[in-house]
Protein backbone atom coordinates (compact mmCIF):
# COMPACT_ATOMS: atom_id res chain seq x y z
CA MET A 1 -6.99 -48.55 18.33
CA LEU A 2 -4.25 -51.05 18.77
CA ALA A 3 -0.92 -49.57 20.15
CA HIS A 4 2.28 -49.38 18.03
CA GLN A 5 5.76 -48.92 18.40
CA ILE A 6 8.49 -48.09 16.14
CA PHE A 7 11.78 -49.42 16.25
CA ASP A 8 15.55 -48.28 14.36
CA LYS A 9 14.25 -44.80 13.36
CA LEU A 10 16.80 -42.31 14.34
CA TYR A 11 16.13 -38.88 14.83
CA TRP A 12 18.58 -37.50 12.78
CA SER A 13 18.18 -39.72 9.80
CA SER A 14 15.79 -39.57 6.89
CA ILE A 15 15.33 -43.23 6.91
CA PRO A 16 12.28 -44.34 8.29
CA GLY A 17 11.91 -47.10 11.13
CA ILE A 18 10.01 -50.15 11.18
CA VAL A 19 6.61 -50.20 12.62
CA TYR A 20 4.97 -53.00 14.91
CA VAL A 21 1.64 -53.23 15.77
CA ASP A 22 0.76 -54.57 18.90
CA ILE A 23 -2.23 -57.07 18.41
CA PRO A 24 -3.66 -58.73 22.21
CA LYS A 25 -3.81 -62.32 21.82
CA GLU A 26 -7.53 -62.23 22.62
CA ARG A 27 -8.18 -60.65 19.09
CA LEU A 28 -6.42 -63.12 17.28
CA ASP A 29 -8.38 -65.91 15.29
CA PRO A 30 -6.62 -69.43 15.41
CA ASP A 31 -7.21 -69.46 11.65
CA VAL A 32 -6.91 -65.73 9.83
CA THR A 33 -6.56 -62.47 11.40
CA VAL A 34 -7.32 -59.43 9.05
CA ILE A 35 -6.12 -56.11 10.22
CA ALA A 36 -7.58 -52.49 8.61
CA LEU A 37 -5.44 -49.65 8.94
CA LEU A 38 -6.72 -46.24 8.88
CA LEU A 39 -3.79 -43.86 7.22
CA ASP A 40 -4.16 -40.21 7.62
CA GLY A 41 -2.87 -39.63 3.69
CA PRO A 42 -1.30 -41.52 1.10
CA ILE A 43 1.31 -44.02 1.97
CA GLU A 44 4.82 -43.05 1.19
CA LEU A 45 7.24 -45.89 0.71
CA TYR A 46 10.81 -45.31 0.95
CA LYS A 47 12.73 -46.09 -1.74
CA GLY A 48 16.18 -45.01 -0.59
CA GLU A 49 19.26 -47.30 -0.73
CA VAL A 50 20.27 -48.19 2.84
CA SER A 51 23.88 -48.69 3.74
CA ALA A 52 26.39 -49.19 6.44
CA LEU A 53 27.32 -46.00 8.12
CA GLU A 54 30.67 -45.05 7.61
CA SER A 55 31.16 -42.15 10.09
CA ASN A 56 29.19 -40.27 12.31
CA LEU A 57 31.82 -37.03 12.36
């Protein structure tokens, strides 16, 4: 199991954040590294439009 972090996810927003998977340097191959992900279910890609926040009131 690898550690991961989620960035730019606001608790009040339906827009998902960005997930970064921490891969230890000793696990990296100098030529190519393949990572398999085991998901809990089907992946759901965000297809909404992201725009600037006009007001948070």
